[in-house]
Amino acid sequence: MNFSKINKFLFLWALCFVINIITLLFIYYKIGPGGKTLALKYNVLEGVENYGKGSQIYYIPLTAFFITAINFVLYNYLKKNENFLLFLTIFASLFIQIVLLAAAISLKAVN
């Protein structure tokens, strides 16, 4: 594996963690969960499906972080072999981060 490919991979991993931090900060500053009850799950057809404590909304970036961390460990384990799984771990993590950021933004509209 050459040096430029490693830099591209590291950039994508850093991008995953930056999006996770953006999601966390978005939830903290825009939604501002406290002790109040918030909508945690929203369905377009049925409306709000699940209410809960405001602190539970932090499970969104926490889940994304754990999935990305597991994929990063898997990436480091598979790094010796150049195969499709390297790309899959990075892009799955990036996709998850983007989807959960979109979920946080949509929850802002509901709350």
PDB file of N, CA and C in Angstrom:
ATOM      1  N   MET A   1       0.854  -1.169   0.000  1.00  0.00           N
ATOM      2  CA  MET A   1       0.000   0.000   0.000  1.00  0.00           C
ATOM      3  C   MET A   1       0.902   1.236   0.000  1.00  0.00           C
ATOM      4  N   ASN A   2       0.629   2.141  -0.905  1.00  0.00           N
ATOM      5  CA  ASN A   2       1.500   3.313  -0.984  1.00  0.00           C
ATOM      6  C   ASN A   2       1.056   4.414  -0.018  1.00  0.00           C
ATOM      7  N   PHE A   3       1.936   5.393   0.125  1.00  0.00           N
ATOM      8  CA  PHE A   3       1.753   6.439   1.127  1.00  0.00           C
ATOM      9  C   PHE A   3       0.537   7.321   0.829  1.00  0.00           C
ATOM     10  N   SER A   4       0.279   7.644  -0.451  1.00  0.00           N
ATOM     11  CA  SER A   4      -0.850   8.525  -0.774  1.00  0.00           C
ATOM     12  C   SER A   4      -2.182   7.845  -0.484  1.00  0.00           C
ATOM     13  N   LYS A   5      -2.259   6.531  -0.672  1.00  0.00           N
ATOM     14  CA  LYS A   5      -3.492   5.816  -0.371  1.00  0.00           C
ATOM     15  C   LYS A   5      -3.751   5.801   1.137  1.00  0.00           C
ATOM     16  N   ILE A   6      -2.689   5.666   1.909  1.00  0.00           N
ATOM     17  CA  ILE A   6      -2.833   5.694   3.368  1.00  0.00           C
ATOM     18  C   ILE A   6      -3.317   7.064   3.819  1.00  0.00           C
ATOM     19  N   ASN A   7      -2.800   8.130   3.218  1.00  0.00           N
ATOM     20  CA  ASN A   7      -3.250   9.479   3.582  1.00  0.00           C
ATOM     21  C   ASN A   7      -4.714   9.696   3.244  1.00  0.00           C
ATOM     22  N   LYS A   8      -5.176   9.144   2.107  1.00  0.00           N
ATOM     23  CA  LYS A   8      -6.593   9.272   1.757  1.00  0.00           C
ATOM     24  C   LYS A   8      -7.461   8.531   2.766  1.00  0.00           C
ATOM     25  N   PHE A   9      -7.028   7.357   3.178  1.00  0.00           N
ATOM     26  CA  PHE A   9      -7.781   6.596   4.158  1.00  0.00           C
ATOM     27  C   PHE A   9      -7.822   7.325   5.500  1.00  0.00           C
ATOM     28  N   LEU A  10      -6.698   7.862   5.920  1.00  0.00           N
ATOM     29  CA  LEU A  10      -6.668   8.590   7.192  1.00  0.00           C
ATOM     30  C   LEU A  10      -7.535   9.841   7.131  1.00  0.00           C
ATOM     31  N   PHE A  11      -7.566  10.488   5.980  1.00  0.00           N
ATOM     32  CA  PHE A  11      -8.436  11.650   5.822  1.00  0.00           C
ATOM     33  C   PHE A  11      -9.899  11.251   5.978  1.00  0.00           C
ATOM     34  N   LEU A  12     -10.287  10.126   5.399  1.00  0.00           N
ATOM     35  CA  LEU A  12     -11.675   9.682   5.511  1.00  0.00           C
ATOM     36  C   LEU A  12     -12.026   9.280   6.941  1.00  0.00           C
ATOM     37  N   TRP A  13     -11.068   8.650   7.647  1.00  0.00           N
ATOM     38  CA  TRP A  13     -11.322   8.324   9.056  1.00  0.00           C
ATOM     39  C   TRP A  13     -11.452   9.598   9.879  1.00  0.00           C
ATOM     40  N   ALA A  14     -10.592  10.566   9.615  1.00  0.00           N
ATOM     41  CA  ALA A  14     -10.686  11.835  10.338  1.00  0.00           C
ATOM     42  C   ALA A  14     -12.010  12.528  10.035  1.00  0.00           C
ATOM     43  N   LEU A  15     -12.460  12.426   8.788  1.00  0.00           N
ATOM     44  CA  LEU A  15     -13.744  13.009   8.413  1.00  0.00           C
ATOM     45  C   LEU A  15     -14.892  12.358   9.177  1.00  0.00           C
ATOM     46  N   CYS A  16     -14.817  11.052   9.363  1.00  0.00           N
ATOM     47  CA  CYS A  16     -15.844  10.355  10.158  1.00  0.00           C
ATOM     48  C   CYS A  16     -15.904  10.908  11.572  1.00  0.00           C
ATOM     49  N   PHE A  17     -14.758  11.066  12.196  1.00  0.00           N
ATOM     50  CA  PHE A  17     -14.748  11.557  13.576  1.00  0.00           C
ATOM     51  C   PHE A  17     -15.134  13.034  13.660  1.00  0.00           C
ATOM     52  N   VAL A  18     -14.819  13.823  12.629  1.00  0.00           N
ATOM     53  CA  VAL A  18     -15.240  15.230  12.611  1.00  0.00           C
ATOM     54  C   VAL A  18     -16.755  15.323  12.489  1.00  0.00           C
ATOM     55  N   ILE A  19     -17.355  14.488  11.636  1.00  0.00           N
ATOM     56  CA  ILE A  19     -18.812  14.491  11.502  1.00  0.00           C
ATOM     57  C   ILE A  19     -19.462  14.060  12.813  1.00  0.00           C
ATOM     58  N   ASN A  20     -18.844  13.131  13.510  1.00  0.00           N
ATOM     59  CA  ASN A  20     -19.369  12.704  14.800  1.00  0.00           C
ATOM     60  C   ASN A  20     -19.329  13.866  15.800  1.00  0.00           C
ATOM     61  N   ILE A  21     -18.265  14.603  15.821  1.00  0.00           N
ATOM     62  CA  ILE A  21     -18.160  15.756  16.716  1.00  0.00           C
ATOM     63  C   ILE A  21     -19.176  16.828  16.332  1.00  0.00           C
ATOM     64  N   ILE A  22     -19.373  17.035  15.032  1.00  0.00           N
ATOM     65  CA  ILE A  22     -20.373  17.995  14.571  1.00  0.00           C
ATOM     66  C   ILE A  22     -21.764  17.569  15.032  1.00  0.00           C
ATOM     67  N   THR A  23     -22.067  16.281  14.944  1.00  0.00           N
ATOM     68  CA  THR A  23     -23.363  15.773  15.403  1.00  0.00           C
ATOM     69  C   THR A  23     -23.542  16.011  16.905  1.00  0.00           C
ATOM     70  N   LEU A  24     -22.507  15.722  17.658  1.00  0.00           N
ATOM     71  CA  LEU A  24     -22.563  15.922  19.106  1.00  0.00           C
ATOM     72  C   LEU A  24     -22.779  17.399  19.447  1.00  0.00           C
ATOM     73  N   LEU A  25     -22.035  18.274  18.808  1.00  0.00           N
ATOM     74  CA  LEU A  25     -22.184  19.706  19.068  1.00  0.00           C
ATOM     75  C   LEU A  25     -23.534  20.233  18.598  1.00  0.00           C
ATOM     76  N   PHE A  26     -24.026  19.701  17.481  1.00  0.00           N
ATOM     77  CA  PHE A  26     -25.339  20.104  16.987  1.00  0.00           C
ATOM     78  C   PHE A  26     -26.420  19.757  18.005  1.00  0.00           C
ATOM     79  N   ILE A  27     -26.341  18.549  18.534  1.00  0.00           N
ATOM     80  CA  ILE A  27     -27.327  18.134  19.535  1.00  0.00           C
ATOM     81  C   ILE A  27     -27.217  19.005  20.782  1.00  0.00           C
ATOM     82  N   TYR A  28     -26.001  19.270  21.212  1.00  0.00           N
ATOM     83  CA  TYR A  28     -25.806  20.033  22.448  1.00  0.00           C
ATOM     84  C   TYR A  28     -26.296  21.473  22.308  1.00  0.00           C
ATOM     85  N   TYR A  29     -25.955  22.131  21.183  1.00  0.00           N
ATOM     86  CA  TYR A  29     -26.277  23.551  21.056  1.00  0.00           C
ATOM     87  C   TYR A  29     -27.635  23.825  20.422  1.00  0.00           C
ATOM     88  N   LYS A  30     -28.067  23.018  19.469  1.00  0.00           N
ATOM     89  CA  LYS A  30     -29.322  23.314  18.771  1.00  0.00           C
ATOM     90  C   LYS A  30     -30.542  22.671  19.430  1.00  0.00           C
ATOM     91  N   ILE A  31     -30.404  21.440  19.867  1.00  0.00           N
ATOM     92  CA  ILE A  31     -31.538  20.779  20.515  1.00  0.00           C
ATOM     93  C   ILE A  31     -31.538  21.082  22.003  1.00  0.00           C
ATOM     94  N   GLY A  32     -30.365  21.117  22.593  1.00  0.00           N
ATOM     95  CA  GLY A  32     -30.230  21.481  23.995  1.00  0.00           C
ATOM     96  C   GLY A  32     -30.977  20.572  24.946  1.00  0.00           C
ATOM     97  N   PRO A  33     -30.678  19.276  24.891  1.00  0.00           N
ATOM     98  CA  PRO A  33     -31.399  18.377  25.790  1.00  0.00           C
ATOM     99  C   PRO A  33     -30.990  18.625  27.236  1.00  0.00           C
ATOM    100  N   GLY A  34     -31.927  18.645  28.048  1.00  0.00           N
ATOM    101  CA  GLY A  34     -31.677  18.797  29.481  1.00  0.00           C
ATOM    102  C   GLY A  34     -32.467  17.734  30.206  1.00  0.00           C
ATOM    103  N   GLY A  35     -33.188  18.154  31.210  1.00  0.00           N
ATOM    104  CA  GLY A  35     -34.030  17.234  31.938  1.00  0.00           C
ATOM    105  C   GLY A  35     -35.408  17.081  31.302  1.00  0.00           C
ATOM    106  N   LYS A  36     -35.643  17.786  30.210  1.00  0.00           N
ATOM    107  CA  LYS A  36     -36.975  17.757  29.606  1.00  0.00           C
ATOM    108  C   LYS A  36     -37.186  16.507  28.751  1.00  0.00           C
ATOM    109  N   THR A  37     -38.428  16.238  28.454  1.00  0.00           N
ATOM    110  CA  THR A  37     -38.788  15.098  27.625  1.00  0.00           C
ATOM    111  C   THR A  37     -38.741  15.517  26.158  1.00  0.00           C
ATOM    112  N   LEU A  38     -38.091  14.682  25.338  1.00  0.00           N
ATOM    113  CA  LEU A  38     -37.943  14.970  23.919  1.00  0.00           C
ATOM    114  C   LEU A  38     -38.446  13.800  23.085  1.00  0.00           C
ATOM    115  N   ALA A  39     -38.763  14.100  21.834  1.00  0.00           N
ATOM    116  CA  ALA A  39     -39.088  13.044  20.885  1.00  0.00           C
ATOM    117  C   ALA A  39     -37.775  12.394  20.448  1.00  0.00           C
ATOM    118  N   LEU A  40     -37.677  11.088  20.623  1.00  0.00           N
ATOM    119  CA  LEU A  40     -36.454  10.373  20.275  1.00  0.00           C
ATOM    120  C   LEU A  40     -36.569   9.622  18.959  1.00  0.00           C
ATOM    121  N   LYS A  41     -37.795   9.304  18.548  1.00  0.00           N
ATOM    122  CA  LYS A  41     -37.996   8.594  17.293  1.00  0.00           C
ATOM    123  C   LYS A  41     -39.224   9.178  16.625  1.00  0.00           C
ATOM    124  N   TYR A  42     -39.075   9.483  15.343  1.00  0.00           N
ATOM    125  CA  TYR A  42     -40.151  10.110  14.593  1.00  0.00           C
ATOM    126  C   TYR A  42     -40.368   9.341  13.305  1.00  0.00           C
ATOM    127  N   ASN A  43     -41.625   9.089  12.993  1.00  0.00           N
ATOM    128  CA  ASN A  43     -42.003   8.418  11.765  1.00  0.00           C
ATOM    129  C   ASN A  43     -42.875   9.377  10.969  1.00  0.00           C
ATOM    130  N   VAL A  44     -42.641   9.484   9.683  1.00  0.00           N
ATOM    131  CA  VAL A  44     -43.387  10.425   8.861  1.00  0.00           C
ATOM    132  C   VAL A  44     -44.866  10.061   8.811  1.00  0.00           C
ATOM    133  N   LEU A  45     -45.164   8.782   8.791  1.00  0.00           N
ATOM    134  CA  LEU A  45     -46.552   8.353   8.675  1.00  0.00           C
ATOM    135  C   LEU A  45     -47.317   8.452   9.996  1.00  0.00           C
ATOM    136  N   GLU A  46     -46.680   8.129  11.090  1.00  0.00           N
ATOM    137  CA  GLU A  46     -47.373   8.059  12.366  1.00  0.00           C
ATOM    138  C   GLU A  46     -47.025   9.192  13.331  1.00  0.00           C
ATOM    139  N   GLY A  47     -46.001   9.932  13.055  1.00  0.00           N
ATOM    140  CA  GLY A  47     -45.587  10.996  13.960  1.00  0.00           C
ATOM    141  C   GLY A  47     -44.567  10.494  14.961  1.00  0.00           C
ATOM    142  N   VAL A  48     -44.572  11.087  16.128  1.00  0.00           N
ATOM    143  CA  VAL A  48     -43.596  10.721  17.155  1.00  0.00           C
ATOM    144  C   VAL A  48     -43.950   9.343  17.709  1.00  0.00           C
ATOM    145  N   GLU A  49     -42.968   8.444  17.698  1.00  0.00           N
ATOM    146  CA  GLU A  49     -43.181   7.084  18.185  1.00  0.00           C
ATOM    147  C   GLU A  49     -42.592   6.849  19.569  1.00  0.00           C
ATOM    148  N   ASN A  50     -41.593   7.639  19.930  1.00  0.00           N
ATOM    149  CA  ASN A  50     -40.907   7.359  21.182  1.00  0.00           C
ATOM    150  C   ASN A  50     -40.478   8.671  21.834  1.00  0.00           C
ATOM    151  N   TYR A  51     -40.886   8.853  23.069  1.00  0.00           N
ATOM    152  CA  TYR A  51     -40.436   9.976  23.878  1.00  0.00           C
ATOM    153  C   TYR A  51     -39.466   9.466  24.925  1.00  0.00           C
ATOM    154  N   GLY A  52     -38.575  10.333  25.366  1.00  0.00           N
ATOM    155  CA  GLY A  52     -37.656   9.917  26.412  1.00  0.00           C
ATOM    156  C   GLY A  52     -36.944  11.110  27.005  1.00  0.00           C
ATOM    157  N   LYS A  53     -36.048  10.824  27.933  1.00  0.00           N
ATOM    158  CA  LYS A  53     -35.257  11.875  28.559  1.00  0.00           C
ATOM    159  C   LYS A  53     -34.375  12.541  27.515  1.00  0.00           C
ATOM    160  N   GLY A  54     -34.099  13.795  27.715  1.00  0.00           N
ATOM    161  CA  GLY A  54     -33.271  14.537  26.778  1.00  0.00           C
ATOM    162  C   GLY A  54     -31.860  13.989  26.655  1.00  0.00           C
ATOM    163  N   SER A  55     -31.356  13.428  27.737  1.00  0.00           N
ATOM    164  CA  SER A  55     -29.996  12.893  27.679  1.00  0.00           C
ATOM    165  C   SER A  55     -29.886  11.666  26.781  1.00  0.00           C
ATOM    166  N   GLN A  56     -30.996  10.996  26.516  1.00  0.00           N
ATOM    167  CA  GLN A  56     -30.963   9.822  25.651  1.00  0.00           C
ATOM    168  C   GLN A  56     -30.693  10.168  24.194  1.00  0.00           C
ATOM    169  N   ILE A  57     -30.837  11.415  23.827  1.00  0.00           N
ATOM    170  CA  ILE A  57     -30.574  11.813  22.444  1.00  0.00           C
ATOM    171  C   ILE A  57     -29.072  11.763  22.132  1.00  0.00           C
ATOM    172  N   TYR A  58     -28.267  11.748  23.181  1.00  0.00           N
ATOM    173  CA  TYR A  58     -26.821  11.618  22.969  1.00  0.00           C
ATOM    174  C   TYR A  58     -26.427  10.208  22.544  1.00  0.00           C
ATOM    175  N   TYR A  59     -27.362   9.278  22.562  1.00  0.00           N
ATOM    176  CA  TYR A  59     -27.069   7.930  22.071  1.00  0.00           C
ATOM    177  C   TYR A  59     -26.795   7.931  20.572  1.00  0.00           C
ATOM    178  N   ILE A  60     -27.290   8.923  19.860  1.00  0.00           N
ATOM    179  CA  ILE A  60     -27.062   8.998  18.410  1.00  0.00           C
ATOM    180  C   ILE A  60     -25.578   9.132  18.107  1.00  0.00           C
ATOM    181  N   PRO A  61     -24.872  10.164  18.595  1.00  0.00           N
ATOM    182  CA  PRO A  61     -23.435  10.233  18.282  1.00  0.00           C
ATOM    183  C   PRO A  61     -22.622   9.144  18.988  1.00  0.00           C
ATOM    184  N   LEU A  62     -23.102   8.675  20.144  1.00  0.00           N
ATOM    185  CA  LEU A  62     -22.387   7.619  20.847  1.00  0.00           C
ATOM    186  C   LEU A  62     -22.417   6.317  20.046  1.00  0.00           C
ATOM    187  N   THR A  63     -23.555   5.988  19.488  1.00  0.00           N
ATOM    188  CA  THR A  63     -23.670   4.796  18.652  1.00  0.00           C
ATOM    189  C   THR A  63     -22.793   4.919  17.407  1.00  0.00           C
ATOM    190  N   ALA A  64     -22.830   6.080  16.786  1.00  0.00           N
ATOM    191  CA  ALA A  64     -22.006   6.296  15.594  1.00  0.00           C
ATOM    192  C   ALA A  64     -20.518   6.195  15.927  1.00  0.00           C
ATOM    193  N   PHE A  65     -20.138   6.699  17.088  1.00  0.00           N
ATOM    194  CA  PHE A  65     -18.731   6.623  17.492  1.00  0.00           C
ATOM    195  C   PHE A  65     -18.296   5.176  17.692  1.00  0.00           C
ATOM    196  N   PHE A  66     -19.120   4.387  18.371  1.00  0.00           N
ATOM    197  CA  PHE A  66     -18.747   2.989  18.616  1.00  0.00           C
ATOM    198  C   PHE A  66     -18.677   2.191  17.321  1.00  0.00           C
ATOM    199  N   ILE A  67     -19.597   2.422  16.413  1.00  0.00           N
ATOM    200  CA  ILE A  67     -19.550   1.713  15.130  1.00  0.00           C
ATOM    201  C   ILE A  67     -18.306   2.110  14.354  1.00  0.00           C
ATOM    202  N   THR A  68     -17.975   3.386  14.349  1.00  0.00           N
ATOM    203  CA  THR A  68     -16.778   3.844  13.654  1.00  0.00           C
ATOM    204  C   THR A  68     -15.519   3.316  14.321  1.00  0.00           C
ATOM    205  N   ALA A  69     -15.491   3.276  15.635  1.00  0.00           N
ATOM    206  CA  ALA A  69     -14.319   2.746  16.336  1.00  0.00           C
ATOM    207  C   ALA A  69     -14.132   1.259  16.046  1.00  0.00           C
ATOM    208  N   ILE A  70     -15.213   0.498  16.022  1.00  0.00           N
ATOM    209  CA  ILE A  70     -15.114  -0.928  15.687  1.00  0.00           C
ATOM    210  C   ILE A  70     -14.638  -1.108  14.255  1.00  0.00           C
ATOM    211  N   ASN A  71     -15.154  -0.306  13.345  1.00  0.00           N
ATOM    212  CA  ASN A  71     -14.702  -0.387  11.957  1.00  0.00           C
ATOM    213  C   ASN A  71     -13.238   0.030  11.819  1.00  0.00           C
ATOM    214  N   PHE A  72     -12.791   0.984  12.633  1.00  0.00           N
ATOM    215  CA  PHE A  72     -11.393   1.403  12.576  1.00  0.00           C
ATOM    216  C   PHE A  72     -10.469   0.287  13.064  1.00  0.00           C
ATOM    217  N   VAL A  73     -10.872  -0.402  14.115  1.00  0.00           N
ATOM    218  CA  VAL A  73     -10.090  -1.543  14.598  1.00  0.00           C
ATOM    219  C   VAL A  73     -10.055  -2.641  13.533  1.00  0.00           C
ATOM    220  N   LEU A  74     -11.196  -2.896  12.921  1.00  0.00           N
ATOM    221  CA  LEU A  74     -11.255  -3.885  11.849  1.00  0.00           C
ATOM    222  C   LEU A  74     -10.384  -3.464  10.667  1.00  0.00           C
ATOM    223  N   TYR A  75     -10.404  -2.180  10.337  1.00  0.00           N
ATOM    224  CA  TYR A  75      -9.563  -1.653   9.264  1.00  0.00           C
ATOM    225  C   TYR A  75      -8.086  -1.891   9.570  1.00  0.00           C
ATOM    226  N   ASN A  76      -7.659  -1.605  10.794  1.00  0.00           N
ATOM    227  CA  ASN A  76      -6.254  -1.820  11.162  1.00  0.00           C
ATOM    228  C   ASN A  76      -5.880  -3.293  11.129  1.00  0.00           C
ATOM    229  N   TYR A  77      -6.814  -4.150  11.453  1.00  0.00           N
ATOM    230  CA  TYR A  77      -6.562  -5.586  11.406  1.00  0.00           C
ATOM    231  C   TYR A  77      -6.426  -6.068   9.959  1.00  0.00           C
ATOM    232  N   LEU A  78      -7.213  -5.497   9.051  1.00  0.00           N
ATOM    233  CA  LEU A  78      -7.213  -5.925   7.651  1.00  0.00           C
ATOM    234  C   LEU A  78      -6.249  -5.134   6.778  1.00  0.00           C
ATOM    235  N   LYS A  79      -5.530  -4.186   7.348  1.00  0.00           N
ATOM    236  CA  LYS A  79      -4.692  -3.284   6.561  1.00  0.00           C
ATOM    237  C   LYS A  79      -3.591  -4.011   5.799  1.00  0.00           C
ATOM    238  N   LYS A  80      -3.143  -5.143   6.289  1.00  0.00           N
ATOM    239  CA  LYS A  80      -2.069  -5.878   5.624  1.00  0.00           C
ATOM    240  C   LYS A  80      -2.512  -6.424   4.276  1.00  0.00           C
ATOM    241  N   ASN A  81      -3.785  -6.738   4.160  1.00  0.00           N
ATOM    242  CA  ASN A  81      -4.325  -7.229   2.896  1.00  0.00           C
ATOM    243  C   ASN A  81      -5.037  -6.092   2.181  1.00  0.00           C
ATOM    244  N   GLU A  82      -4.683  -5.889   0.927  1.00  0.00           N
ATOM    245  CA  GLU A  82      -5.404  -4.875   0.165  1.00  0.00           C
ATOM    246  C   GLU A  82      -6.619  -5.549  -0.438  1.00  0.00           C
ATOM    247  N   ASN A  83      -7.760  -5.294   0.143  1.00  0.00           N
ATOM    248  CA  ASN A  83      -8.967  -5.885  -0.390  1.00  0.00           C
ATOM    249  C   ASN A  83     -10.137  -4.920  -0.226  1.00  0.00           C
ATOM    250  N   PHE A  84     -11.267  -5.392  -0.665  1.00  0.00           N
ATOM    251  CA  PHE A  84     -12.463  -4.560  -0.684  1.00  0.00           C
ATOM    252  C   PHE A  84     -12.950  -4.203   0.722  1.00  0.00           C
ATOM    253  N   LEU A  85     -12.635  -5.035   1.704  1.00  0.00           N
ATOM    254  CA  LEU A  85     -13.119  -4.782   3.052  1.00  0.00           C
ATOM    255  C   LEU A  85     -12.547  -3.500   3.655  1.00  0.00           C
ATOM    256  N   LEU A  86     -11.351  -3.104   3.231  1.00  0.00           N
ATOM    257  CA  LEU A  86     -10.792  -1.833   3.707  1.00  0.00           C
ATOM    258  C   LEU A  86     -11.685  -0.666   3.295  1.00  0.00           C
ATOM    259  N   PHE A  87     -12.065  -0.655   2.037  1.00  0.00           N
ATOM    260  CA  PHE A  87     -12.935   0.405   1.547  1.00  0.00           C
ATOM    261  C   PHE A  87     -14.305   0.331   2.207  1.00  0.00           C
ATOM    262  N   LEU A  88     -14.781  -0.878   2.412  1.00  0.00           N
ATOM    263  CA  LEU A  88     -16.102  -1.055   2.999  1.00  0.00           C
ATOM    264  C   LEU A  88     -16.162  -0.533   4.428  1.00  0.00           C
ATOM    265  N   THR A  89     -15.119  -0.762   5.216  1.00  0.00           N
ATOM    266  CA  THR A  89     -15.122  -0.282   6.593  1.00  0.00           C
ATOM    267  C   THR A  89     -15.160   1.245   6.647  1.00  0.00           C
ATOM    268  N   ILE A  90     -14.384   1.877   5.789  1.00  0.00           N
ATOM    269  CA  ILE A  90     -14.340   3.343   5.800  1.00  0.00           C
ATOM    270  C   ILE A  90     -15.658   3.940   5.320  1.00  0.00           C
ATOM    271  N   PHE A  91     -16.158   3.462   4.193  1.00  0.00           N
ATOM    272  CA  PHE A  91     -17.354   4.073   3.633  1.00  0.00           C
ATOM    273  C   PHE A  91     -18.613   3.706   4.413  1.00  0.00           C
ATOM    274  N   ALA A  92     -18.630   2.540   5.054  1.00  0.00           N
ATOM    275  CA  ALA A  92     -19.761   2.227   5.929  1.00  0.00           C
ATOM    276  C   ALA A  92     -19.774   3.176   7.118  1.00  0.00           C
ATOM    277  N   SER A  93     -18.617   3.442   7.684  1.00  0.00           N
ATOM    278  CA  SER A  93     -18.544   4.373   8.812  1.00  0.00           C
ATOM    279  C   SER A  93     -18.938   5.781   8.391  1.00  0.00           C
ATOM    280  N   LEU A  94     -18.465   6.207   7.241  1.00  0.00           N
ATOM    281  CA  LEU A  94     -18.806   7.544   6.747  1.00  0.00           C
ATOM    282  C   LEU A  94     -20.304   7.647   6.472  1.00  0.00           C
ATOM    283  N   PHE A  95     -20.878   6.614   5.887  1.00  0.00           N
ATOM    284  CA  PHE A  95     -22.310   6.600   5.608  1.00  0.00           C
ATOM    285  C   PHE A  95     -23.124   6.652   6.900  1.00  0.00           C
ATOM    286  N   ILE A  96     -22.717   5.881   7.894  1.00  0.00           N
ATOM    287  CA  ILE A  96     -23.412   5.869   9.180  1.00  0.00           C
ATOM    288  C   ILE A  96     -23.347   7.242   9.843  1.00  0.00           C
ATOM    289  N   GLN A  97     -22.178   7.867   9.787  1.00  0.00           N
ATOM    290  CA  GLN A  97     -22.041   9.204  10.380  1.00  0.00           C
ATOM    291  C   GLN A  97     -22.974  10.212   9.708  1.00  0.00           C
ATOM    292  N   ILE A  98     -23.055  10.150   8.381  1.00  0.00           N
ATOM    293  CA  ILE A  98     -23.902  11.097   7.649  1.00  0.00           C
ATOM    294  C   ILE A  98     -25.378  10.843   7.931  1.00  0.00           C
ATOM    295  N   VAL A  99     -25.776   9.573   7.959  1.00  0.00           N
ATOM    296  CA  VAL A  99     -27.179   9.241   8.226  1.00  0.00           C
ATOM    297  C   VAL A  99     -27.585   9.671   9.635  1.00  0.00           C
ATOM    298  N   LEU A 100     -26.716   9.450  10.614  1.00  0.00           N
ATOM    299  CA  LEU A 100     -27.070   9.827  11.979  1.00  0.00           C
ATOM    300  C   LEU A 100     -27.014  11.338  12.193  1.00  0.00           C
ATOM    301  N   LEU A 101     -26.195  12.044  11.429  1.00  0.00           N
ATOM    302  CA  LEU A 101     -26.251  13.508  11.459  1.00  0.00           C
ATOM    303  C   LEU A 101     -27.584  13.982  10.889  1.00  0.00           C
ATOM    304  N   ALA A 102     -28.033  13.365   9.809  1.00  0.00           N
ATOM    305  CA  ALA A 102     -29.340  13.698   9.241  1.00  0.00           C
ATOM    306  C   ALA A 102     -30.464  13.373  10.217  1.00  0.00           C
ATOM    307  N   ALA A 103     -30.323  12.291  10.974  1.00  0.00           N
ATOM    308  CA  ALA A 103     -31.330  11.944  11.987  1.00  0.00           C
ATOM    309  C   ALA A 103     -31.380  13.004  13.082  1.00  0.00           C
ATOM    310  N   ALA A 104     -30.221  13.489  13.491  1.00  0.00           N
ATOM    311  CA  ALA A 104     -30.191  14.534  14.519  1.00  0.00           C
ATOM    312  C   ALA A 104     -30.816  15.826  13.990  1.00  0.00           C
ATOM    313  N   ILE A 105     -30.562  16.138  12.739  1.00  0.00           N
ATOM    314  CA  ILE A 105     -31.147  17.350  12.154  1.00  0.00           C
ATOM    315  C   ILE A 105     -32.653  17.221  12.056  1.00  0.00           C
ATOM    316  N   SER A 106     -33.145  16.044  11.686  1.00  0.00           N
ATOM    317  CA  SER A 106     -34.590  15.865  11.600  1.00  0.00           C
ATOM    318  C   SER A 106     -35.242  15.879  12.979  1.00  0.00           C
ATOM    319  N   LEU A 107     -34.548  15.367  13.987  1.00  0.00           N
ATOM    320  CA  LEU A 107     -35.085  15.451  15.345  1.00  0.00           C
ATOM    321  C   LEU A 107     -35.150  16.898  15.842  1.00  0.00           C
ATOM    322  N   LYS A 108     -34.271  17.733  15.344  1.00  0.00           N
ATOM    323  CA  LYS A 108     -34.321  19.161  15.712  1.00  0.00           C
ATOM    324  C   LYS A 108     -35.624  19.775  15.208  1.00  0.00           C
ATOM    325  N   ALA A 109     -36.030  19.362  14.009  1.00  0.00           N
ATOM    326  CA  ALA A 109     -37.281  19.892  13.455  1.00  0.00           C
ATOM    327  C   ALA A 109     -38.500  19.435  14.265  1.00  0.00           C
ATOM    328  N   VAL A 110     -38.426  18.233  14.825  1.00  0.00           N
ATOM    329  CA  VAL A 110     -39.548  17.705  15.609  1.00  0.00           C
ATOM    330  C   VAL A 110     -39.591  18.337  16.988  1.00  0.00           C
ATOM    331  N   ASN A 111     -38.426  18.495  17.603  1.00  0.00           N
ATOM    332  CA  ASN A 111     -38.371  19.035  18.951  1.00  0.00           C
ATOM    333  C   ASN A 111     -38.340  20.535  18.879  1.00  0.00           C
TER     334      ASN A 111
END
